[in-house]
């Protein structure tokens, strides 16, 4: 997948990168990370090595942080879990086959 950029409600531009967050910088073993909106170059990192359901949940979770930075982790997780469960289980959301192929191709390039 190509990089994606967007602006949050405050006009802060974020870049979305499908790369596992580096635990040396972000600590722990996480699936995604959203850097603070006041950082020099705000980014969202999402691991490409996730199931489609976890990738959906992680994307919603990190995008929510970018728009609502002051919300607690518990509030963000509750929202992301609820929305991703609805989209994946109720609506049948799935990555298109072309996107799955790009993710798989990136895994082998490492």
N, C-alpha and C. Protein backbone atom coordinates (compact mmCIF):
# COMPACT_ATOMS: atom_id res chain seq x y z
N UNK A 1 0.84 -1.18 0.00
CA UNK A 1 0.00 0.00 0.00
C UNK A 1 0.89 1.25 0.00
N UNK A 2 0.45 2.23 -0.70
CA UNK A 2 1.18 3.48 -0.73
C UNK A 2 0.93 4.25 0.55
N UNK A 3 1.81 5.19 0.81
CA UNK A 3 1.62 6.04 1.98
C UNK A 3 0.36 6.88 1.78
N UNK A 4 -0.25 7.22 2.88
CA UNK A 4 -1.49 7.99 2.86
C UNK A 4 -1.32 9.16 3.81
N UNK A 5 -1.75 10.33 3.43
CA UNK A 5 -1.68 11.51 4.29
C UNK A 5 -3.07 12.10 4.44
N UNK A 6 -3.30 12.71 5.59
CA UNK A 6 -4.57 13.36 5.86
C UNK A 6 -4.35 14.44 6.91
N UNK A 7 -5.34 15.32 7.06
CA UNK A 7 -5.29 16.34 8.10
C UNK A 7 -6.38 16.06 9.11
N UNK A 8 -6.04 16.22 10.39
CA UNK A 8 -7.05 16.03 11.44
C UNK A 8 -7.89 17.30 11.58
N UNK A 9 -8.76 17.32 12.58
CA UNK A 9 -9.66 18.48 12.78
C UNK A 9 -8.93 19.79 13.02
N UNK A 10 -7.71 19.71 13.53
CA UNK A 10 -6.92 20.91 13.83
C UNK A 10 -6.00 21.30 12.69
N UNK A 11 -6.10 20.61 11.56
CA UNK A 11 -5.27 20.93 10.41
C UNK A 11 -3.88 20.34 10.47
N UNK A 12 -3.63 19.44 11.42
CA UNK A 12 -2.33 18.80 11.53
C UNK A 12 -2.27 17.66 10.51
N UNK A 13 -1.24 17.68 9.67
CA UNK A 13 -1.11 16.64 8.65
C UNK A 13 -0.37 15.43 9.20
N UNK A 14 -0.98 14.26 9.01
CA UNK A 14 -0.40 12.98 9.41
C UNK A 14 -0.08 12.17 8.17
N UNK A 15 0.98 11.39 8.26
CA UNK A 15 1.31 10.42 7.22
C UNK A 15 1.10 9.03 7.82
N UNK A 16 0.45 8.16 7.06
CA UNK A 16 0.21 6.79 7.50
C UNK A 16 1.22 5.89 6.80
N UNK A 17 1.94 5.11 7.60
CA UNK A 17 2.97 4.22 7.08
C UNK A 17 2.68 2.80 7.54
N UNK A 18 2.65 1.88 6.60
CA UNK A 18 2.45 0.47 6.94
C UNK A 18 3.82 -0.15 7.21
N UNK A 19 4.26 0.03 8.43
CA UNK A 19 5.53 -0.52 8.90
C UNK A 19 5.39 -0.75 10.39
N UNK A 20 5.90 -1.87 10.87
CA UNK A 20 5.79 -2.19 12.29
C UNK A 20 6.48 -1.09 13.10
N UNK A 21 5.79 -0.58 14.13
CA UNK A 21 6.43 0.45 14.98
C UNK A 21 7.69 -0.11 15.63
N UNK A 22 8.74 0.67 15.62
CA UNK A 22 10.03 0.27 16.19
C UNK A 22 9.95 0.34 17.71
N UNK A 23 10.05 -0.81 18.37
CA UNK A 23 9.90 -0.83 19.83
C UNK A 23 11.05 -0.13 20.53
N UNK A 24 12.17 0.11 19.84
CA UNK A 24 13.25 0.89 20.45
C UNK A 24 12.82 2.33 20.68
N UNK A 25 11.94 2.83 19.81
CA UNK A 25 11.48 4.21 19.92
C UNK A 25 10.14 4.33 20.64
N UNK A 26 9.26 3.34 20.42
CA UNK A 26 7.90 3.43 20.93
C UNK A 26 7.63 2.51 22.11
N UNK A 27 8.58 1.64 22.44
CA UNK A 27 8.42 0.75 23.58
C UNK A 27 7.45 -0.38 23.29
N UNK A 28 7.65 -1.49 23.96
CA UNK A 28 6.73 -2.62 23.87
C UNK A 28 6.60 -3.20 22.48
N UNK A 29 5.71 -4.12 22.35
CA UNK A 29 5.44 -4.76 21.07
C UNK A 29 4.03 -4.38 20.67
N UNK A 30 3.89 -3.37 19.81
CA UNK A 30 2.56 -2.88 19.47
C UNK A 30 2.28 -3.05 17.99
N UNK A 31 1.00 -3.05 17.66
CA UNK A 31 0.56 -3.20 16.27
C UNK A 31 0.52 -1.87 15.54
N UNK A 32 0.40 -0.77 16.29
CA UNK A 32 0.32 0.55 15.68
C UNK A 32 0.69 1.62 16.68
N UNK A 33 0.98 2.80 16.14
CA UNK A 33 1.33 3.94 16.99
C UNK A 33 0.91 5.22 16.27
N UNK A 34 0.48 6.18 17.04
CA UNK A 34 0.17 7.52 16.53
C UNK A 34 1.03 8.50 17.29
N UNK A 35 1.88 9.23 16.59
CA UNK A 35 2.72 10.20 17.27
C UNK A 35 1.89 11.44 17.61
N UNK A 36 2.31 12.19 18.60
CA UNK A 36 1.53 13.36 19.04
C UNK A 36 1.36 14.38 17.91
N UNK A 37 0.24 15.08 17.92
CA UNK A 37 -0.01 16.07 16.87
C UNK A 37 0.97 17.24 16.90
N UNK A 38 1.62 17.47 18.04
CA UNK A 38 2.57 18.57 18.11
C UNK A 38 4.01 18.13 17.80
N UNK A 39 4.19 16.88 17.36
CA UNK A 39 5.53 16.42 16.99
C UNK A 39 5.92 17.04 15.66
N UNK A 40 7.21 16.99 15.36
CA UNK A 40 7.74 17.65 14.17
C UNK A 40 7.10 17.14 12.88
N UNK A 41 6.89 15.84 12.77
CA UNK A 41 6.34 15.24 11.56
C UNK A 41 5.39 14.11 11.98
N UNK A 42 4.15 14.43 12.35
CA UNK A 42 3.24 13.41 12.88
C UNK A 42 3.00 12.25 11.92
N UNK A 43 3.05 11.05 12.49
CA UNK A 43 2.86 9.85 11.69
C UNK A 43 2.02 8.82 12.43
N UNK A 44 1.42 7.96 11.64
CA UNK A 44 0.76 6.77 12.17
C UNK A 44 1.48 5.59 11.53
N UNK A 45 1.97 4.68 12.38
CA UNK A 45 2.60 3.45 11.91
C UNK A 45 1.64 2.31 12.18
N UNK A 46 1.40 1.49 11.17
CA UNK A 46 0.55 0.31 11.31
C UNK A 46 1.33 -0.89 10.78
N UNK A 47 1.44 -1.91 11.60
CA UNK A 47 2.16 -3.10 11.17
C UNK A 47 1.43 -3.76 10.00
N UNK A 48 2.16 -4.12 8.93
CA UNK A 48 1.53 -4.81 7.82
C UNK A 48 1.36 -6.31 8.10
N UNK A 49 1.92 -6.78 9.19
CA UNK A 49 1.92 -8.21 9.51
C UNK A 49 0.74 -8.59 10.40
N UNK A 50 -0.42 -8.07 10.10
CA UNK A 50 -1.60 -8.29 10.93
C UNK A 50 -2.68 -8.99 10.11
N UNK A 51 -3.60 -9.64 10.80
CA UNK A 51 -4.77 -10.16 10.11
C UNK A 51 -5.58 -8.96 9.60
N UNK A 52 -6.45 -9.20 8.65
CA UNK A 52 -7.24 -8.08 8.12
C UNK A 52 -8.11 -7.46 9.20
N UNK A 53 -8.63 -8.26 10.11
CA UNK A 53 -9.46 -7.72 11.18
C UNK A 53 -8.63 -6.87 12.14
N UNK A 54 -7.45 -7.33 12.47
CA UNK A 54 -6.59 -6.57 13.38
C UNK A 54 -6.07 -5.31 12.70
N UNK A 55 -5.79 -5.39 11.41
CA UNK A 55 -5.35 -4.20 10.68
C UNK A 55 -6.45 -3.15 10.65
N UNK A 56 -7.68 -3.58 10.46
CA UNK A 56 -8.82 -2.65 10.49
C UNK A 56 -8.93 -2.01 11.88
N UNK A 57 -8.88 -2.83 12.92
CA UNK A 57 -9.01 -2.32 14.28
C UNK A 57 -7.88 -1.36 14.62
N UNK A 58 -6.66 -1.72 14.26
CA UNK A 58 -5.50 -0.88 14.56
C UNK A 58 -5.58 0.45 13.80
N UNK A 59 -6.03 0.40 12.55
CA UNK A 59 -6.17 1.63 11.77
C UNK A 59 -7.18 2.57 12.42
N UNK A 60 -8.33 2.04 12.78
CA UNK A 60 -9.36 2.87 13.43
C UNK A 60 -8.82 3.43 14.74
N UNK A 61 -8.15 2.59 15.51
CA UNK A 61 -7.60 3.00 16.80
C UNK A 61 -6.62 4.17 16.64
N UNK A 62 -5.66 4.03 15.74
CA UNK A 62 -4.64 5.07 15.58
C UNK A 62 -5.20 6.34 14.94
N UNK A 63 -6.11 6.21 13.99
CA UNK A 63 -6.75 7.40 13.41
C UNK A 63 -7.55 8.15 14.49
N UNK A 64 -8.20 7.40 15.37
CA UNK A 64 -8.96 8.03 16.45
C UNK A 64 -8.04 8.85 17.34
N UNK A 65 -6.86 8.31 17.66
CA UNK A 65 -5.88 9.08 18.44
C UNK A 65 -5.53 10.38 17.73
N UNK A 66 -5.35 10.33 16.41
CA UNK A 66 -4.93 11.54 15.69
C UNK A 66 -5.99 12.63 15.73
N UNK A 67 -7.25 12.25 15.76
CA UNK A 67 -8.33 13.24 15.80
C UNK A 67 -8.72 13.64 17.21
N UNK A 68 -8.54 12.74 18.16
CA UNK A 68 -8.98 12.98 19.55
C UNK A 68 -7.85 12.64 20.50
N UNK A 69 -6.76 13.38 20.38
CA UNK A 69 -5.53 13.10 21.11
C UNK A 69 -5.74 13.06 22.63
N UNK A 70 -6.64 13.84 23.15
CA UNK A 70 -6.82 13.93 24.60
C UNK A 70 -7.73 12.84 25.18
N UNK A 71 -8.30 12.00 24.34
CA UNK A 71 -9.13 10.90 24.85
C UNK A 71 -8.22 9.84 25.46
N UNK A 72 -8.73 9.16 26.46
CA UNK A 72 -7.93 8.13 27.12
C UNK A 72 -7.76 6.91 26.22
N UNK A 73 -6.75 6.12 26.52
CA UNK A 73 -6.52 4.89 25.76
C UNK A 73 -7.72 3.96 25.87
N UNK A 74 -8.34 3.94 27.03
CA UNK A 74 -9.53 3.10 27.24
C UNK A 74 -10.67 3.54 26.33
N UNK A 75 -10.92 4.85 26.23
CA UNK A 75 -11.98 5.36 25.37
C UNK A 75 -11.70 5.08 23.89
N UNK A 76 -10.45 5.28 23.48
CA UNK A 76 -10.07 5.04 22.08
C UNK A 76 -10.21 3.56 21.75
N UNK A 77 -9.73 2.70 22.64
CA UNK A 77 -9.82 1.25 22.41
C UNK A 77 -11.27 0.80 22.34
N UNK A 78 -12.11 1.31 23.21
CA UNK A 78 -13.52 0.92 23.21
C UNK A 78 -14.18 1.32 21.89
N UNK A 79 -13.92 2.54 21.43
CA UNK A 79 -14.47 3.01 20.17
C UNK A 79 -13.97 2.16 19.00
N UNK A 80 -12.64 1.96 18.91
CA UNK A 80 -12.06 1.21 17.79
C UNK A 80 -12.56 -0.23 17.78
N UNK A 81 -12.62 -0.85 18.95
CA UNK A 81 -13.09 -2.24 19.01
C UNK A 81 -14.54 -2.35 18.56
N UNK A 82 -15.37 -1.41 18.98
CA UNK A 82 -16.79 -1.43 18.61
C UNK A 82 -16.97 -1.22 17.11
N UNK A 83 -16.32 -0.19 16.57
CA UNK A 83 -16.47 0.12 15.15
C UNK A 83 -15.88 -0.98 14.27
N UNK A 84 -14.71 -1.48 14.61
CA UNK A 84 -14.11 -2.53 13.77
C UNK A 84 -14.92 -3.82 13.83
N UNK A 85 -15.47 -4.14 14.99
CA UNK A 85 -16.31 -5.34 15.10
C UNK A 85 -17.56 -5.19 14.22
N UNK A 86 -18.17 -3.99 14.24
CA UNK A 86 -19.34 -3.72 13.39
C UNK A 86 -18.99 -3.85 11.91
N UNK A 87 -17.92 -3.18 11.49
CA UNK A 87 -17.55 -3.19 10.07
C UNK A 87 -17.13 -4.57 9.60
N UNK A 88 -16.37 -5.29 10.42
CA UNK A 88 -15.84 -6.59 10.00
C UNK A 88 -16.89 -7.69 10.11
N UNK A 89 -17.55 -7.79 11.25
CA UNK A 89 -18.49 -8.90 11.48
C UNK A 89 -19.89 -8.64 10.92
N UNK A 90 -20.39 -7.43 11.06
CA UNK A 90 -21.76 -7.14 10.63
C UNK A 90 -21.83 -6.74 9.15
N UNK A 91 -20.88 -5.90 8.72
CA UNK A 91 -20.90 -5.39 7.34
C UNK A 91 -20.07 -6.23 6.38
N UNK A 92 -19.24 -7.11 6.90
CA UNK A 92 -18.42 -7.95 6.04
C UNK A 92 -17.25 -7.25 5.39
N UNK A 93 -16.74 -6.17 6.02
CA UNK A 93 -15.61 -5.45 5.43
C UNK A 93 -14.40 -6.37 5.34
N UNK A 94 -13.72 -6.34 4.18
CA UNK A 94 -12.49 -7.09 3.96
C UNK A 94 -11.57 -6.28 3.06
N UNK A 95 -10.26 -6.49 3.20
CA UNK A 95 -9.31 -5.87 2.29
C UNK A 95 -9.52 -6.42 0.89
N UNK A 96 -9.46 -5.59 -0.13
CA UNK A 96 -9.53 -6.12 -1.50
C UNK A 96 -8.33 -7.02 -1.75
N UNK A 97 -8.47 -7.98 -2.65
CA UNK A 97 -7.39 -8.92 -2.95
C UNK A 97 -6.10 -8.22 -3.37
N UNK A 98 -6.21 -7.12 -4.11
CA UNK A 98 -5.02 -6.39 -4.56
C UNK A 98 -4.25 -5.83 -3.36
N UNK A 99 -4.96 -5.34 -2.35
CA UNK A 99 -4.30 -4.80 -1.16
C UNK A 99 -3.63 -5.93 -0.38
N UNK A 100 -4.27 -7.09 -0.30
CA UNK A 100 -3.68 -8.24 0.38
C UNK A 100 -2.39 -8.66 -0.30
N UNK A 101 -2.38 -8.63 -1.63
CA UNK A 101 -1.19 -9.02 -2.38
C UNK A 101 -0.04 -8.06 -2.12
N UNK A 102 -0.33 -6.76 -2.02
CA UNK A 102 0.72 -5.78 -1.73
C UNK A 102 1.29 -6.00 -0.34
N UNK A 103 0.44 -6.29 0.63
CA UNK A 103 0.90 -6.56 1.99
C UNK A 103 1.80 -7.79 1.99
N UNK A 104 1.37 -8.86 1.33
CA UNK A 104 2.16 -10.09 1.27
C UNK A 104 3.50 -9.85 0.58
N UNK A 105 3.51 -9.05 -0.48
CA UNK A 105 4.73 -8.76 -1.21
C UNK A 105 5.72 -8.01 -0.31
N UNK A 106 5.24 -7.06 0.49
CA UNK A 106 6.11 -6.32 1.41
C UNK A 106 6.74 -7.25 2.43
N UNK A 107 5.99 -8.23 2.90
CA UNK A 107 6.51 -9.15 3.90
C UNK A 107 7.73 -9.90 3.36
N UNK A 108 7.69 -10.29 2.08
CA UNK A 108 8.78 -11.08 1.50
C UNK A 108 9.99 -10.22 1.16
N UNK A 109 9.83 -8.92 1.02
CA UNK A 109 10.95 -8.03 0.69
C UNK A 109 11.89 -7.80 1.86
N UNK A 110 11.42 -8.09 3.06
CA UNK A 110 12.24 -7.82 4.26
C UNK A 110 13.44 -8.66 4.25
